[in-house]
Every structure is written in structure tokens, then in C-alpha cells.
Amino acid sequence: MKPQESEVVNTYIIQPPQTNAHGTAFGGQIMAWMDETAAIAALRFCKTLCVTVSVDRVQF
């Protein structure tokens, strides 16, 4: 399998419970969605469960 064959595209609608005090998307929620999407791509590519061990940096 080529890496591009494991591409995942997710679309989310931000609801009020997923927003911060400024009314914008809460960074932790975005990070959770990123992790979920990456896990799906990793599963497709590796054909086995994968976990996120660490994230060095995310800047919003």
C-alpha cells in the first residue's frame, strides 16, 4: 500500500460545547480530532492498532 492510499478526510461541525471562552474551537478538541484521524490513517496503512506516544508541539 502506498501512504497516500491511507488518506483520511474527516469533517466536523463545531458545536457550542466544543468552543472556548472566545467562541472559537477549543484546542484540546481539535487535537483529539487530529489524533483520531491520524489513528485511522495509521490503522489503514499498518493494518494493526497504533497509538500516539507523544506530540512534541502544537501551536494554535
PDB file of N, CA and C in Angstrom:
ATOM      1  N   MET A   1       0.836  -1.172   0.000  1.00  0.00           N
ATOM      2  CA  MET A   1       0.000   0.000   0.000  1.00  0.00           C
ATOM      3  C   MET A   1       0.886   1.242   0.000  1.00  0.00           C
ATOM      4  N   LYS A   2       0.494   2.217  -0.767  1.00  0.00           N
ATOM      5  CA  LYS A   2       1.188   3.499  -0.781  1.00  0.00           C
ATOM      6  C   LYS A   2       0.613   4.378   0.332  1.00  0.00           C
ATOM      7  N   PRO A   3       1.435   5.216   0.947  1.00  0.00           N
ATOM      8  CA  PRO A   3       0.933   6.069   2.035  1.00  0.00           C
ATOM      9  C   PRO A   3      -0.308   6.877   1.646  1.00  0.00           C
ATOM     10  N   GLN A   4      -0.349   7.385   0.420  1.00  0.00           N
ATOM     11  CA  GLN A   4      -1.498   8.197   0.014  1.00  0.00           C
ATOM     12  C   GLN A   4      -2.796   7.400  -0.037  1.00  0.00           C
ATOM     13  N   GLU A   5      -2.701   6.083  -0.095  1.00  0.00           N
ATOM     14  CA  GLU A   5      -3.897   5.243  -0.095  1.00  0.00           C
ATOM     15  C   GLU A   5      -4.525   5.135   1.291  1.00  0.00           C
ATOM     16  N   SER A   6      -3.823   5.593   2.304  1.00  0.00           N
ATOM     17  CA  SER A   6      -4.369   5.562   3.663  1.00  0.00           C
ATOM     18  C   SER A   6      -4.916   6.929   4.076  1.00  0.00           C
ATOM     19  N   GLU A   7      -5.041   7.833   3.104  1.00  0.00           N
ATOM     20  CA  GLU A   7      -5.524   9.191   3.406  1.00  0.00           C
ATOM     21  C   GLU A   7      -6.905   9.154   4.061  1.00  0.00           C
ATOM     22  N   VAL A   8      -7.093  10.006   5.052  1.00  0.00           N
ATOM     23  CA  VAL A   8      -8.363  10.124   5.761  1.00  0.00           C
ATOM     24  C   VAL A   8      -8.779  11.588   5.736  1.00  0.00           C
ATOM     25  N   VAL A   9     -10.028  11.838   5.421  1.00  0.00           N
ATOM     26  CA  VAL A   9     -10.569  13.193   5.482  1.00  0.00           C
ATOM     27  C   VAL A   9     -11.790  13.146   6.386  1.00  0.00           C
ATOM     28  N   ASN A  10     -11.736  13.876   7.483  1.00  0.00           N
ATOM     29  CA  ASN A  10     -12.867  13.974   8.404  1.00  0.00           C
ATOM     30  C   ASN A  10     -13.365  15.408   8.401  1.00  0.00           C
ATOM     31  N   THR A  11     -14.666  15.577   8.532  1.00  0.00           N
ATOM     32  CA  THR A  11     -15.275  16.899   8.627  1.00  0.00           C
ATOM     33  C   THR A  11     -16.074  16.952   9.914  1.00  0.00           C
ATOM     34  N   TYR A  12     -15.864  18.003  10.678  1.00  0.00           N
ATOM     35  CA  TYR A  12     -16.557  18.161  11.950  1.00  0.00           C
ATOM     36  C   TYR A  12     -17.277  19.501  11.977  1.00  0.00           C
ATOM     37  N   ILE A  13     -18.434  19.529  12.593  1.00  0.00           N
ATOM     38  CA  ILE A  13     -19.167  20.771  12.820  1.00  0.00           C
ATOM     39  C   ILE A  13     -18.935  21.152  14.271  1.00  0.00           C
ATOM     40  N   ILE A  14     -18.363  22.319  14.478  1.00  0.00           N
ATOM     41  CA  ILE A  14     -18.067  22.782  15.833  1.00  0.00           C
ATOM     42  C   ILE A  14     -19.368  23.225  16.492  1.00  0.00           C
ATOM     43  N   GLN A  15     -19.676  22.624  17.618  1.00  0.00           N
ATOM     44  CA  GLN A  15     -20.863  22.964  18.395  1.00  0.00           C
ATOM     45  C   GLN A  15     -20.444  23.766  19.628  1.00  0.00           C
ATOM     46  N   PRO A  16     -21.364  24.494  20.258  1.00  0.00           N
ATOM     47  CA  PRO A  16     -21.005  25.305  21.435  1.00  0.00           C
ATOM     48  C   PRO A  16     -20.224  24.567  22.526  1.00  0.00           C
ATOM     49  N   PRO A  17     -20.515  23.300  22.837  1.00  0.00           N
ATOM     50  CA  PRO A  17     -19.714  22.633  23.875  1.00  0.00           C
ATOM     51  C   PRO A  17     -18.239  22.442  23.498  1.00  0.00           C
ATOM     52  N   GLN A  18     -17.908  22.595  22.222  1.00  0.00           N
ATOM     53  CA  GLN A  18     -16.527  22.416  21.767  1.00  0.00           C
ATOM     54  C   GLN A  18     -15.807  23.747  21.570  1.00  0.00           C
ATOM     55  N   THR A  19     -16.379  24.815  22.101  1.00  0.00           N
ATOM     56  CA  THR A  19     -15.755  26.130  21.960  1.00  0.00           C
ATOM     57  C   THR A  19     -15.213  26.613  23.295  1.00  0.00           C
ATOM     58  N   ASN A  20     -14.272  27.552  23.196  1.00  0.00           N
ATOM     59  CA  ASN A  20     -13.674  28.135  24.396  1.00  0.00           C
ATOM     60  C   ASN A  20     -14.376  29.449  24.746  1.00  0.00           C
ATOM     61  N   ALA A  21     -13.828  30.185  25.691  1.00  0.00           N
ATOM     62  CA  ALA A  21     -14.429  31.442  26.146  1.00  0.00           C
ATOM     63  C   ALA A  21     -14.484  32.494  25.041  1.00  0.00           C
ATOM     64  N   HIS A  22     -13.678  32.348  24.013  1.00  0.00           N
ATOM     65  CA  HIS A  22     -13.667  33.296  22.894  1.00  0.00           C
ATOM     66  C   HIS A  22     -14.656  32.903  21.797  1.00  0.00           C
ATOM     67  N   GLY A  23     -15.320  31.766  21.969  1.00  0.00           N
ATOM     68  CA  GLY A  23     -16.272  31.297  20.975  1.00  0.00           C
ATOM     69  C   GLY A  23     -15.631  30.601  19.786  1.00  0.00           C
ATOM     70  N   THR A  24     -14.356  30.276  19.906  1.00  0.00           N
ATOM     71  CA  THR A  24     -13.662  29.545  18.846  1.00  0.00           C
ATOM     72  C   THR A  24     -13.426  28.107  19.302  1.00  0.00           C
ATOM     73  N   ALA A  25     -13.043  27.274  18.379  1.00  0.00           N
ATOM     74  CA  ALA A  25     -12.840  25.857  18.691  1.00  0.00           C
ATOM     75  C   ALA A  25     -11.802  25.680  19.792  1.00  0.00           C
ATOM     76  N   PHE A  26     -12.109  24.838  20.758  1.00  0.00           N
ATOM     77  CA  PHE A  26     -11.209  24.516  21.859  1.00  0.00           C
ATOM     78  C   PHE A  26     -10.050  23.689  21.310  1.00  0.00           C
ATOM     79  N   GLY A  27      -8.825  24.112  21.596  1.00  0.00           N
ATOM     80  CA  GLY A  27      -7.635  23.448  21.068  1.00  0.00           C
ATOM     81  C   GLY A  27      -7.554  21.979  21.416  1.00  0.00           C
ATOM     82  N   GLY A  28      -7.982  21.619  22.615  1.00  0.00           N
ATOM     83  CA  GLY A  28      -7.949  20.213  23.015  1.00  0.00           C
ATOM     84  C   GLY A  28      -8.859  19.356  22.158  1.00  0.00           C
ATOM     85  N   GLN A  29      -9.997  19.919  21.755  1.00  0.00           N
ATOM     86  CA  GLN A  29     -10.917  19.183  20.884  1.00  0.00           C
ATOM     87  C   GLN A  29     -10.305  18.989  19.504  1.00  0.00           C
ATOM     88  N   ILE A  30      -9.684  20.037  18.983  1.00  0.00           N
ATOM     89  CA  ILE A  30      -9.026  19.921  17.679  1.00  0.00           C
ATOM     90  C   ILE A  30      -7.932  18.859  17.735  1.00  0.00           C
ATOM     91  N   MET A  31      -7.169  18.873  18.813  1.00  0.00           N
ATOM     92  CA  MET A  31      -6.092  17.885  18.963  1.00  0.00           C
ATOM     93  C   MET A  31      -6.658  16.462  19.028  1.00  0.00           C
ATOM     94  N   ALA A  32      -7.764  16.280  19.721  1.00  0.00           N
ATOM     95  CA  ALA A  32      -8.394  14.956  19.799  1.00  0.00           C
ATOM     96  C   ALA A  32      -8.840  14.492  18.417  1.00  0.00           C
ATOM     97  N   TRP A  33      -9.415  15.391  17.636  1.00  0.00           N
ATOM     98  CA  TRP A  33      -9.834  15.039  16.278  1.00  0.00           C
ATOM     99  C   TRP A  33      -8.627  14.713  15.400  1.00  0.00           C
ATOM    100  N   MET A  34      -7.553  15.475  15.558  1.00  0.00           N
ATOM    101  CA  MET A  34      -6.331  15.194  14.802  1.00  0.00           C
ATOM    102  C   MET A  34      -5.802  13.802  15.141  1.00  0.00           C
ATOM    103  N   ASP A  35      -5.808  13.468  16.425  1.00  0.00           N
ATOM    104  CA  ASP A  35      -5.305  12.171  16.867  1.00  0.00           C
ATOM    105  C   ASP A  35      -6.178  11.038  16.330  1.00  0.00           C
ATOM    106  N   GLU A  36      -7.478  11.235  16.369  1.00  0.00           N
ATOM    107  CA  GLU A  36      -8.404  10.223  15.854  1.00  0.00           C
ATOM    108  C   GLU A  36      -8.187   9.994  14.358  1.00  0.00           C
ATOM    109  N   THR A  37      -8.052  11.069  13.612  1.00  0.00           N
ATOM    110  CA  THR A  37      -7.838  10.970  12.170  1.00  0.00           C
ATOM    111  C   THR A  37      -6.511  10.290  11.856  1.00  0.00           C
ATOM    112  N   ALA A  38      -5.474  10.651  12.599  1.00  0.00           N
ATOM    113  CA  ALA A  38      -4.166  10.020  12.405  1.00  0.00           C
ATOM    114  C   ALA A  38      -4.224   8.529  12.731  1.00  0.00           C
ATOM    115  N   ALA A  39      -4.978   8.167  13.754  1.00  0.00           N
ATOM    116  CA  ALA A  39      -5.105   6.755  14.127  1.00  0.00           C
ATOM    117  C   ALA A  39      -5.784   5.950  13.023  1.00  0.00           C
ATOM    118  N   ILE A  40      -6.782   6.529  12.390  1.00  0.00           N
ATOM    119  CA  ILE A  40      -7.461   5.842  11.285  1.00  0.00           C
ATOM    120  C   ILE A  40      -6.490   5.624  10.126  1.00  0.00           C
ATOM    121  N   ALA A  41      -5.721   6.666   9.788  1.00  0.00           N
ATOM    122  CA  ALA A  41      -4.740   6.543   8.702  1.00  0.00           C
ATOM    123  C   ALA A  41      -3.683   5.499   9.044  1.00  0.00           C
ATOM    124  N   ALA A  42      -3.210   5.504  10.276  1.00  0.00           N
ATOM    125  CA  ALA A  42      -2.190   4.539  10.696  1.00  0.00           C
ATOM    126  C   ALA A  42      -2.733   3.113  10.639  1.00  0.00           C
ATOM    127  N   LEU A  43      -3.967   2.927  11.065  1.00  0.00           N
ATOM    128  CA  LEU A  43      -4.585   1.601  11.016  1.00  0.00           C
ATOM    129  C   LEU A  43      -4.697   1.104   9.574  1.00  0.00           C
ATOM    130  N   ARG A  44      -5.111   1.982   8.688  1.00  0.00           N
ATOM    131  CA  ARG A  44      -5.224   1.597   7.275  1.00  0.00           C
ATOM    132  C   ARG A  44      -3.860   1.222   6.693  1.00  0.00           C
ATOM    133  N   PHE A  45      -2.846   1.991   7.034  1.00  0.00           N
ATOM    134  CA  PHE A  45      -1.520   1.773   6.459  1.00  0.00           C
ATOM    135  C   PHE A  45      -0.817   0.573   7.076  1.00  0.00           C
ATOM    136  N   CYS A  46      -0.854   0.472   8.414  1.00  0.00           N
ATOM    137  CA  CYS A  46      -0.112  -0.587   9.119  1.00  0.00           C
ATOM    138  C   CYS A  46      -0.898  -1.880   9.278  1.00  0.00           C
ATOM    139  N   LYS A  47      -2.218  -1.785   9.129  1.00  0.00           N
ATOM    140  CA  LYS A  47      -3.106  -2.939   9.308  1.00  0.00           C
ATOM    141  C   LYS A  47      -3.010  -3.534  10.709  1.00  0.00           C
ATOM    142  N   THR A  48      -2.736  -2.679  11.682  1.00  0.00           N
ATOM    143  CA  THR A  48      -2.714  -3.070  13.091  1.00  0.00           C
ATOM    144  C   THR A  48      -2.967  -1.818  13.922  1.00  0.00           C
ATOM    145  N   LEU A  49      -3.381  -2.004  15.156  1.00  0.00           N
ATOM    146  CA  LEU A  49      -3.641  -0.857  16.013  1.00  0.00           C
ATOM    147  C   LEU A  49      -2.359  -0.084  16.286  1.00  0.00           C
ATOM    148  N   CYS A  50      -2.467   1.217  16.288  1.00  0.00           N
ATOM    149  CA  CYS A  50      -1.350   2.111  16.592  1.00  0.00           C
ATOM    150  C   CYS A  50      -1.823   3.102  17.647  1.00  0.00           C
ATOM    151  N   VAL A  51      -0.914   3.579  18.449  1.00  0.00           N
ATOM    152  CA  VAL A  51      -1.257   4.574  19.462  1.00  0.00           C
ATOM    153  C   VAL A  51      -0.324   5.767  19.343  1.00  0.00           C
ATOM    154  N   THR A  52      -0.805   6.907  19.779  1.00  0.00           N
ATOM    155  CA  THR A  52       0.023   8.106  19.829  1.00  0.00           C
ATOM    156  C   THR A  52       0.845   8.042  21.101  1.00  0.00           C
ATOM    157  N   VAL A  53       2.145   8.059  20.954  1.00  0.00           N
ATOM    158  CA  VAL A  53       3.036   8.006  22.114  1.00  0.00           C
ATOM    159  C   VAL A  53       3.301   9.407  22.628  1.00  0.00           C
ATOM    160  N   SER A  54       3.529  10.338  21.722  1.00  0.00           N
ATOM    161  CA  SER A  54       3.771  11.715  22.149  1.00  0.00           C
ATOM    162  C   SER A  54       3.534  12.665  20.990  1.00  0.00           C
ATOM    163  N   VAL A  55       3.357  13.908  21.350  1.00  0.00           N
ATOM    164  CA  VAL A  55       3.261  15.001  20.393  1.00  0.00           C
ATOM    165  C   VAL A  55       4.224  16.059  20.891  1.00  0.00           C
ATOM    166  N   ASP A  56       5.181  16.407  20.064  1.00  0.00           N
ATOM    167  CA  ASP A  56       6.196  17.358  20.507  1.00  0.00           C
ATOM    168  C   ASP A  56       5.650  18.769  20.681  1.00  0.00           C
ATOM    169  N   ARG A  57       4.838  19.214  19.732  1.00  0.00           N
ATOM    170  CA  ARG A  57       4.365  20.591  19.837  1.00  0.00           C
ATOM    171  C   ARG A  57       3.183  20.813  18.909  1.00  0.00           C
ATOM    172  N   VAL A  58       2.206  21.550  19.403  1.00  0.00           N
ATOM    173  CA  VAL A  58       1.082  22.007  18.596  1.00  0.00           C
ATOM    174  C   VAL A  58       0.872  23.468  18.957  1.00  0.00           C
ATOM    175  N   GLN A  59       0.819  24.314  17.960  1.00  0.00           N
ATOM    176  CA  GLN A  59       0.608  25.740  18.214  1.00  0.00           C
ATOM    177  C   GLN A  59      -0.640  26.175  17.470  1.00  0.00           C
ATOM    178  N   PHE A  60      -1.572  26.747  18.192  1.00  0.00           N
ATOM    179  CA  PHE A  60      -2.820  27.220  17.587  1.00  0.00           C
ATOM    180  C   PHE A  60      -2.797  28.726  17.494  1.00  0.00           C
TER     181      PHE A  60
END
